Protein backbone atom coordinates (compact mmCIF):
# COMPACT_ATOMS: atom_id res chain seq x y z
CA MET A 1 -4.77 13.94 21.61
CA THR A 2 -3.69 10.27 21.89
CA THR A 3 -2.83 9.18 25.44
CA PRO A 4 0.74 7.80 25.69
CA LEU A 5 0.95 4.08 26.36
CA PRO A 6 3.04 2.56 29.18
CA ARG A 7 6.58 1.69 28.19
CA PHE A 8 6.60 -1.41 26.03
CA ALA A 9 8.79 -3.37 23.65
CA ALA A 10 7.77 -5.22 20.52
CA ILE A 11 8.86 -8.07 18.29
CA VAL A 12 7.74 -8.35 14.66
CA VAL A 13 8.23 -11.88 13.37
CA ALA A 14 9.12 -11.79 9.68
CA ALA A 15 11.29 -14.86 9.18
CA GLY A 16 8.69 -16.97 7.37
CA SER A 17 9.19 -18.34 3.87
CA GLY A 18 5.58 -17.87 2.75
CA SER A 19 5.29 -21.46 1.52
CA ARG A 20 1.50 -21.30 1.07
CA PHE A 21 1.79 -17.93 -0.62
CA GLY A 22 4.53 -18.88 -3.05
CA GLY A 23 7.28 -16.80 -1.44
CA PRO A 24 7.92 -14.32 1.39
CA LYS A 25 4.93 -11.98 1.45
CA GLN A 26 6.32 -9.59 4.06
CA TRP A 27 8.40 -7.79 1.40
CA ARG A 28 5.59 -7.43 -1.13
CA ASP A 29 3.84 -4.06 -1.53
CA LEU A 30 0.40 -3.45 -0.05
CA GLY A 31 -1.23 -0.05 -0.47
CA GLY A 32 2.01 1.50 -1.68
CA LYS A 33 4.44 0.16 0.93
CA PRO A 34 5.87 -3.22 1.98
CA VAL A 35 3.64 -5.42 4.11
CA ILE A 36 6.07 -5.41 7.02
CA ARG A 37 6.32 -1.62 7.08
CA TRP A 38 2.65 -1.27 8.06
CA SER A 39 3.16 -3.10 11.35
CA VAL A 40 6.53 -1.56 12.18
CA GLU A 41 5.18 1.94 11.60
CA ALA A 42 2.11 1.24 13.75
CA LEU A 43 4.20 -0.01 16.66
CA ILE A 44 6.70 2.86 16.44
CA GLU A 45 3.88 5.41 16.31
CA ALA A 46 2.26 3.77 19.36
CA GLY A 47 5.51 4.30 21.30
CA ALA A 48 7.45 1.03 21.23
CA GLU A 49 10.74 1.93 22.90
CA ASP A 50 12.55 -1.18 21.68
CA LEU A 51 11.42 -2.92 18.51
CA VAL A 52 13.13 -6.02 17.14
CA VAL A 53 12.35 -7.30 13.65
CA VAL A 54 13.14 -11.00 13.24
CA VAL A 55 14.11 -12.06 9.71
CA ALA A 56 15.59 -15.04 7.93
CA GLY A 57 19.35 -15.07 7.48
CA ASP A 58 19.13 -14.27 3.77
CA ALA A 59 16.57 -11.46 4.10
CA GLU A 60 18.51 -8.67 5.83
CA ALA A 61 18.81 -6.64 2.64
CA GLU A 62 15.07 -6.91 1.97
CA ALA A 63 14.30 -5.76 5.51
CA GLN A 64 16.63 -2.78 5.27
CA ALA A 65 15.03 -1.75 1.98
CA ALA A 66 11.47 -2.25 3.25
CA LEU A 67 12.04 -0.28 6.44
CA GLY A 68 14.40 2.37 5.08
CA GLY A 69 13.90 5.81 6.61
CA LEU A 70 12.34 4.51 9.83
CA SER A 71 14.16 4.77 13.13
CA GLY A 72 13.58 2.90 16.37
CA TRP A 73 13.93 -0.69 15.17
CA ARG A 74 16.66 -3.35 15.04
CA LEU A 75 17.18 -6.60 13.16
CA THR A 76 17.89 -10.03 14.54
CA LEU A 77 17.96 -13.39 12.80
CA GLY A 78 15.23 -15.99 13.14
CA GLY A 79 15.39 -19.68 13.84
CA SER A 80 14.17 -22.84 12.15
CA THR A 81 10.65 -22.47 13.63
CA ARG A 82 8.41 -19.58 14.53
CA ALA A 83 8.90 -20.33 18.22
CA ALA A 84 12.68 -20.23 17.78
CA SER A 85 12.38 -16.91 15.95
CA VAL A 86 10.29 -15.43 18.77
CA GLN A 87 12.83 -16.59 21.36
CA ASN A 88 15.64 -15.00 19.34
CA GLY A 89 13.64 -11.78 19.32
CA LEU A 90 13.09 -11.94 23.08
CA ALA A 91 16.81 -12.48 23.65
CA ALA A 92 17.63 -9.45 21.50
CA LEU A 93 15.43 -7.05 23.50
CA LYS A 94 17.11 -4.60 25.82
CA GLY A 95 15.73 -2.87 28.88
CA PRO A 96 13.50 -3.80 31.85
CA THR A 97 12.30 -7.40 31.93
CA ASP A 98 9.00 -6.57 33.62
CA ARG A 99 7.64 -4.33 30.86
CA PRO A 100 5.06 -5.49 28.31
CA VAL A 101 6.30 -7.14 25.12
CA LEU A 102 4.06 -7.28 22.06
CA ILE A 103 4.73 -10.16 19.66
CA HIS A 104 3.28 -9.59 16.22
CA ASP A 105 3.21 -11.41 12.88
CA ALA A 106 4.45 -9.32 9.96
CA ALA A 107 1.79 -10.99 7.82
CA ARG A 108 -0.93 -9.05 9.70
CA PRO A 109 -0.21 -5.56 8.33
CA LEU A 110 -3.30 -3.52 9.20
CA LEU A 111 -2.53 -3.08 12.89
CA ASP A 112 -4.58 -0.36 14.58
CA ARG A 113 -3.55 1.62 17.66
CA SER A 114 -6.73 0.59 19.49
CA VAL A 115 -5.71 -3.08 19.39
CA ILE A 116 -2.32 -2.20 20.85
CA ASP A 117 -4.06 -0.24 23.60
CA ARG A 118 -6.34 -3.14 24.49
CA VAL A 119 -3.72 -5.88 24.76
CA ILE A 120 -1.45 -3.74 26.93
CA ALA A 121 -4.31 -2.67 29.21
CA ALA A 122 -5.33 -6.31 29.70
CA LEU A 123 -1.98 -7.10 31.35
CA ALA A 124 -3.14 -5.17 34.42
CA ASP A 125 -4.79 -8.35 35.74
CA ALA A 126 -3.56 -11.10 33.41
CA ASP A 127 -0.28 -12.75 32.41
CA GLY A 128 -0.99 -12.45 28.73
CA ALA A 129 -3.44 -10.96 26.28
CA LEU A 130 -4.45 -11.73 22.74
CA PRO A 131 -6.84 -10.02 20.34
CA ALA A 132 -9.45 -12.36 18.93
CA LEU A 133 -12.71 -12.42 17.02
CA PRO A 134 -15.65 -14.71 17.81
CA VAL A 135 -16.36 -17.38 15.22
CA ALA A 136 -19.42 -16.17 13.31
CA ASP A 137 -19.89 -18.98 10.77
CA SER A 138 -21.45 -22.29 11.68
CA LEU A 139 -18.86 -25.07 11.83
CA ARG A 140 -19.09 -28.64 10.54
CA ARG A 141 -17.05 -31.81 10.84
CA ALA A 142 -16.70 -33.85 7.68
CA ASP A 143 -15.32 -37.09 6.34
CA GLY A 144 -13.96 -35.92 3.03
CA ASP A 145 -16.81 -33.87 1.60
CA ILE A 146 -19.53 -35.57 3.62
CA VAL A 147 -20.80 -33.78 6.73
CA THR A 148 -20.54 -35.94 9.86
CA GLY A 149 -21.49 -33.46 12.57
CA GLU A 150 -21.46 -29.91 13.80
CA VAL A 151 -19.20 -27.98 16.19
CA GLU A 152 -20.55 -25.70 18.88
CA ARG A 153 -19.04 -22.28 18.22
CA GLY A 154 -20.20 -20.41 21.33
CA ASP A 155 -16.79 -20.53 23.02
CA LEU A 156 -14.57 -20.49 19.91
CA TRP A 157 -12.39 -17.52 18.97
CA ARG A 158 -10.12 -16.64 16.05
CA ALA A 159 -6.80 -15.62 17.62
CA GLN A 160 -4.84 -12.71 16.16
CA THR A 161 -1.67 -10.80 17.00
CA PRO A 162 -0.08 -8.80 18.57
CA GLN A 163 -0.13 -10.88 21.72
CA ALA A 164 1.14 -9.15 24.85
CA PHE A 165 3.06 -10.50 27.88
CA ARG A 166 5.48 -9.34 30.48
CA HIS A 167 8.98 -9.97 29.14
CA ASP A 168 10.04 -12.18 32.06
CA LYS A 169 6.76 -14.14 31.98
CA ILE A 170 6.97 -15.14 28.29
CA THR A 171 10.71 -15.87 28.56
CA SER A 172 10.29 -18.22 31.51
CA ALA A 173 7.26 -19.87 29.87
CA TYR A 174 9.29 -20.67 26.76
CA ALA A 175 12.08 -22.07 28.94
CA ALA A 176 9.56 -24.52 30.41
CA TRP A 177 8.03 -25.54 27.08
CA PRO A 178 8.71 -29.20 26.08
CA ALA A 179 11.41 -29.34 23.41
CA ASP A 180 9.57 -32.02 21.43
CA GLU A 181 6.35 -30.03 21.03
CA VAL A 182 5.42 -27.23 18.63
CA ALA A 183 3.66 -24.19 20.10
CA THR A 184 0.92 -22.66 17.96
CA ASP A 185 1.45 -19.23 19.52
CA GLU A 186 2.79 -17.45 22.59
CA ALA A 187 -0.56 -17.51 24.41
CA THR A 188 -0.41 -21.32 24.36
CA VAL A 189 3.10 -21.23 25.82
CA VAL A 190 2.13 -18.95 28.70
CA GLN A 191 -1.09 -20.85 29.38
CA ARG A 192 0.82 -24.18 29.56
CA ALA A 193 3.13 -22.60 32.15
CA GLY A 194 0.13 -21.75 34.34
CA GLY A 195 -0.37 -18.20 33.15
CA ARG A 196 -3.72 -16.49 32.76
CA VAL A 197 -4.35 -15.20 29.24
CA ARG A 198 -7.12 -12.72 28.58
CA ILE A 199 -8.95 -12.29 25.26
CA VAL A 200 -9.58 -8.72 24.10
CA SER A 201 -11.57 -7.54 21.12
CA GLY A 202 -9.69 -8.04 17.87
CA ASP A 203 -10.11 -6.31 14.52
CA SER A 204 -11.50 -7.81 11.32
CA ARG A 205 -8.97 -5.76 9.36
CA LEU A 206 -6.14 -7.51 11.19
CA MET A 207 -6.36 -10.45 8.83
CA LYS A 208 -3.38 -12.67 8.16
CA LEU A 209 -2.13 -12.65 4.59
CA THR A 210 -1.77 -16.31 3.71
CA TYR A 211 -2.81 -16.75 0.08
CA PRO A 212 -2.35 -14.44 -2.95
CA GLU A 213 -6.07 -13.60 -3.03
CA ASP A 214 -5.82 -12.21 0.53
CA PHE A 215 -4.03 -9.14 -0.81
CA ALA A 216 -7.12 -7.96 -2.69
CA MET A 217 -9.16 -8.17 0.51
CA ALA A 218 -6.51 -6.32 2.51
CA GLU A 219 -6.33 -3.58 -0.13
CA ALA A 220 -10.08 -3.11 0.24
CA TYR A 221 -9.64 -2.54 3.98
CA ILE A 222 -7.15 0.31 3.54
CA PRO A 223 -8.88 3.69 3.97
CA ARG A 224 -8.60 5.74 0.80
CA GLN A 225 -9.08 9.34 -0.18
CA ILE A 226 -10.33 10.73 -3.47
CA ARG A 227 -8.30 13.53 -5.04
CA VAL A 228 -8.74 15.55 -8.21
CA GLY A 229 -5.93 17.17 -10.21
CA GLN A 230 -6.07 19.72 -13.00
CA GLY A 231 -3.64 20.26 -15.86
CA PHE A 232 -3.28 22.83 -18.63
CA ASP A 233 -0.92 23.08 -21.57
CA ALA A 234 -0.60 25.13 -24.75
CA HIS A 235 1.69 25.06 -27.80
CA ARG A 236 2.03 27.32 -30.80
CA TRP A 237 1.57 26.21 -34.38
CA GLY A 238 4.54 25.94 -36.75
CA PRO A 239 5.51 24.38 -40.09
CA GLY A 240 4.77 20.68 -40.37
CA ASN A 241 2.44 18.05 -41.79
CA ALA A 242 1.09 16.25 -38.71
CA VAL A 243 0.24 16.81 -35.05
CA TRP A 244 0.16 14.52 -32.01
CA LEU A 245 -2.91 14.84 -29.79
CA CYS A 246 -3.75 12.46 -26.92
CA GLY A 247 -1.30 9.92 -28.27
CA VAL A 248 -2.74 9.88 -31.80
CA GLU A 249 -0.97 11.26 -34.87
CA ILE A 250 -3.25 13.38 -37.08
CA SER A 251 -2.35 14.61 -40.57
CA HIS A 252 -2.46 18.40 -40.62
CA ASP A 253 -0.92 21.30 -42.51
CA GLN A 254 0.91 22.45 -39.38
CA THR A 255 2.50 20.95 -36.29
CA LEU A 256 2.75 22.00 -32.68
CA ILE A 257 6.12 23.32 -31.58
CA GLY A 258 7.68 22.05 -28.35
CA HIS A 259 10.76 20.46 -26.83
CA SER A 260 9.13 17.00 -26.97
CA ASP A 261 6.44 15.95 -29.45
CA ALA A 262 4.28 18.83 -28.09
CA ASP A 263 1.26 16.60 -27.41
CA ALA A 264 -0.70 19.17 -25.40
CA GLY A 265 -3.39 16.66 -24.43
CA LEU A 266 -0.91 14.24 -22.85
CA HIS A 267 1.00 17.09 -21.21
CA ALA A 268 -2.12 18.46 -19.58
CA LEU A 269 -3.16 15.01 -18.43
CA THR A 270 0.29 14.25 -17.01
CA ASP A 271 0.13 17.47 -15.01
CA ALA A 272 -3.37 16.59 -13.78
CA ILE A 273 -2.20 13.24 -12.39
CA LEU A 274 0.93 14.71 -10.82
CA GLY A 275 -1.13 17.55 -9.38
CA ALA A 276 -3.63 15.19 -7.78
CA MET A 277 -0.72 13.52 -5.98
CA GLY A 278 0.90 16.81 -5.00
CA ASP A 279 3.95 15.63 -6.95
CA GLY A 280 5.00 18.74 -8.85
CA ASP A 281 4.46 19.17 -12.57
CA ILE A 282 5.77 17.81 -15.81
CA GLY A 283 8.59 20.37 -15.91
CA ASP A 284 9.92 19.13 -12.57
CA HIS A 285 10.18 15.57 -13.82
CA PHE A 286 11.13 16.29 -17.45
CA PRO A 287 12.85 19.71 -17.65
CA PRO A 288 12.61 21.28 -21.14
CA THR A 289 16.27 22.24 -20.77
CA ASP A 290 17.30 18.56 -20.69
CA PRO A 291 18.36 17.46 -24.20
CA GLN A 292 17.37 13.82 -23.59
CA TRP A 293 13.70 14.82 -23.89
CA LYS A 294 14.14 16.58 -27.23
CA GLY A 295 11.47 15.16 -29.53
CA ALA A 296 10.47 12.54 -26.95
CA SER A 297 7.09 10.84 -27.15
CA SER A 298 4.79 12.26 -24.49
CA ASP A 299 3.59 8.72 -23.78
CA LEU A 300 6.71 8.45 -21.61
CA PHE A 301 5.65 11.38 -19.45
CA LEU A 302 2.15 10.05 -18.89
CA ILE A 303 3.34 6.53 -18.07
CA HIS A 304 5.86 7.99 -15.61
CA ALA A 305 3.08 9.82 -13.75
CA VAL A 306 0.94 6.68 -13.57
CA GLU A 307 3.88 4.63 -12.29
CA ARG A 308 4.50 7.16 -9.53
CA LEU A 309 0.84 6.96 -8.60
CA SER A 310 1.00 3.15 -8.47
CA ALA A 311 4.15 3.27 -6.34
CA ARG A 312 2.17 5.16 -3.71
CA GLY A 313 -0.59 2.55 -3.72
CA GLY A 314 -2.92 4.78 -5.72
CA ARG A 315 -4.99 4.26 -8.81
CA LEU A 316 -6.67 6.33 -11.48
CA VAL A 317 -10.44 6.51 -11.37
CA ASN A 318 -11.18 8.53 -14.50
CA VAL A 319 -9.71 11.24 -16.75
CA ASP A 320 -11.28 14.02 -18.80
CA VAL A 321 -9.38 15.95 -21.50
CA THR A 322 -10.61 18.99 -23.41
CA LEU A 323 -8.75 20.15 -26.53
CA ILE A 324 -9.22 23.82 -27.42
CA CYS A 325 -8.57 24.71 -31.05
CA GLU A 326 -10.17 25.81 -34.33
CA ARG A 327 -8.28 23.21 -36.36
CA PRO A 328 -7.78 20.31 -36.84
CA LYS A 329 -11.22 18.83 -36.35
CA VAL A 330 -10.99 16.54 -33.33
CA LYS A 331 -14.29 14.67 -33.57
CA PRO A 332 -13.19 12.22 -36.31
CA HIS A 333 -10.25 11.19 -34.12
CA ARG A 334 -11.84 11.34 -30.69
CA GLN A 335 -12.60 7.62 -30.38
CA ALA A 336 -9.03 6.72 -31.33
CA MET A 337 -7.78 9.16 -28.70
CA ARG A 338 -9.99 7.64 -26.01
CA GLU A 339 -8.84 4.15 -26.92
CA ARG A 340 -5.17 5.19 -26.85
CA LEU A 341 -5.55 6.86 -23.46
CA ALA A 342 -7.42 3.86 -22.06
CA GLU A 343 -4.55 1.66 -23.23
CA LEU A 344 -1.84 3.89 -21.75
CA LEU A 345 -3.67 4.35 -18.46
CA ALA A 346 -5.05 0.80 -18.11
CA LEU A 347 -8.55 2.25 -17.68
CA PRO A 348 -11.88 1.07 -19.06
CA LEU A 349 -13.03 3.12 -22.02
CA ASP A 350 -15.95 4.63 -20.14
CA ALA A 351 -13.50 6.13 -17.63
CA VAL A 352 -11.80 8.14 -20.38
CA SER A 353 -13.29 11.29 -21.88
CA VAL A 354 -11.90 13.39 -24.72
CA LYS A 355 -13.76 16.50 -25.82
CA ALA A 356 -13.02 19.46 -28.07
CA THR A 357 -14.19 23.02 -28.23
CA THR A 358 -13.35 26.28 -29.96
CA THR A 359 -13.14 29.81 -28.59
CA GLU A 360 -15.36 31.25 -31.32
CA ALA A 361 -12.37 32.84 -33.09
CA MET A 362 -11.29 34.63 -29.89
CA GLY A 363 -7.85 34.57 -28.32
CA PHE A 364 -4.69 32.82 -29.53
CA THR A 365 -6.51 29.57 -30.26
CA GLY A 366 -9.24 31.45 -32.13
CA ARG A 367 -6.68 33.26 -34.25
CA GLY A 368 -5.04 29.95 -35.10
CA GLU A 369 -1.80 30.81 -33.30
CA GLY A 370 -1.79 27.73 -31.12
CA LEU A 371 -3.69 24.90 -29.44
CA ALA A 372 -4.51 24.46 -25.75
CA ALA A 373 -5.59 21.51 -23.66
CA GLN A 374 -6.94 21.13 -20.18
CA ALA A 375 -7.43 17.92 -18.22
CA LEU A 376 -8.88 16.60 -14.99
CA ALA A 377 -7.79 13.37 -13.30
CA THR A 378 -9.51 11.67 -10.38
CA ILE A 379 -7.35 9.37 -8.29
CA GLU A 380 -7.57 7.23 -5.18
CA LEU A 381 -4.71 7.22 -2.66
CA PRO A 382 -4.32 5.37 0.62
CA ALA A 383 -5.33 7.78 3.38
CA ARG A 384 -2.41 8.80 5.56
CA SER A 385 -2.96 9.20 9.29
């Protein structure tokens, strides 16, 4: 059981324009949810009793959309600088002025409860606390691309957020800060005012998203779980001259009967993906009683399942489809089926398997009454705490 933290407030600064990134990154998705939502959720779950999110004047709608469904937070508008935005956030807080306030950058999404614990605990004998990591790489000075010297790294740290302070201490420190100077962070402000700031152990996952390539690294840090889903479908044979199987049309003396194009392979695979997510089945999303799906291409169903997986920050790992029938012969078309599935699913060909088998003339498939398909799908999803 997690021990409750002392009462604390929090400010999430999200008013930046993302100039080095090419636009505001706090609204972009990471692991299936907006960047800013990661931090706000972490602070709410840790027990923040008053949480102010500071945004630019034209970003209120984005913030409401990104944080929809969460309670325990409020919006306030930022200023022309980060320091001004923080001061606006401090002014918007309500409650005791002697409680801890955590000030956090929205661009550091992977905030862990242990970091929150450490910065708050450090205020027991300090005026401020910041998480930081020691500099591990050797450092060099250079003139252009020519090395001119080295920098001793023994006492150098990489500062992170959230930084913690007593509300009255950080407010008074900002009031004393020279108007013509730019503060790099709140720890600098408190230190200039004579405060004692303690460093606590940071977290390598608490990286700041600055450039587009940083998102790939952050995605790799998100814990993931492997899930497997299974699907099954069957359709009866009827009059016709072609059949759709795994997205490929095959000439045949019969066709499969169904509300859509009756592609049993795609139906089974759609159910496998939805099942792995715990997201119902194909009938829930595309009811056979709905006339809009009459004769529809089953590609639509499969793409829908993949899009829902992507929206949750997940991805397909591999798929395996088995077609069960006496006729038509699947082997001549198997490669085309694999290629079509790989295209629809955006998977490499070696992650797609299509097989066929018979039931040795037994059962409804053996008697030629219908065709069946079963499928397995392996997915990755962000692990939920």
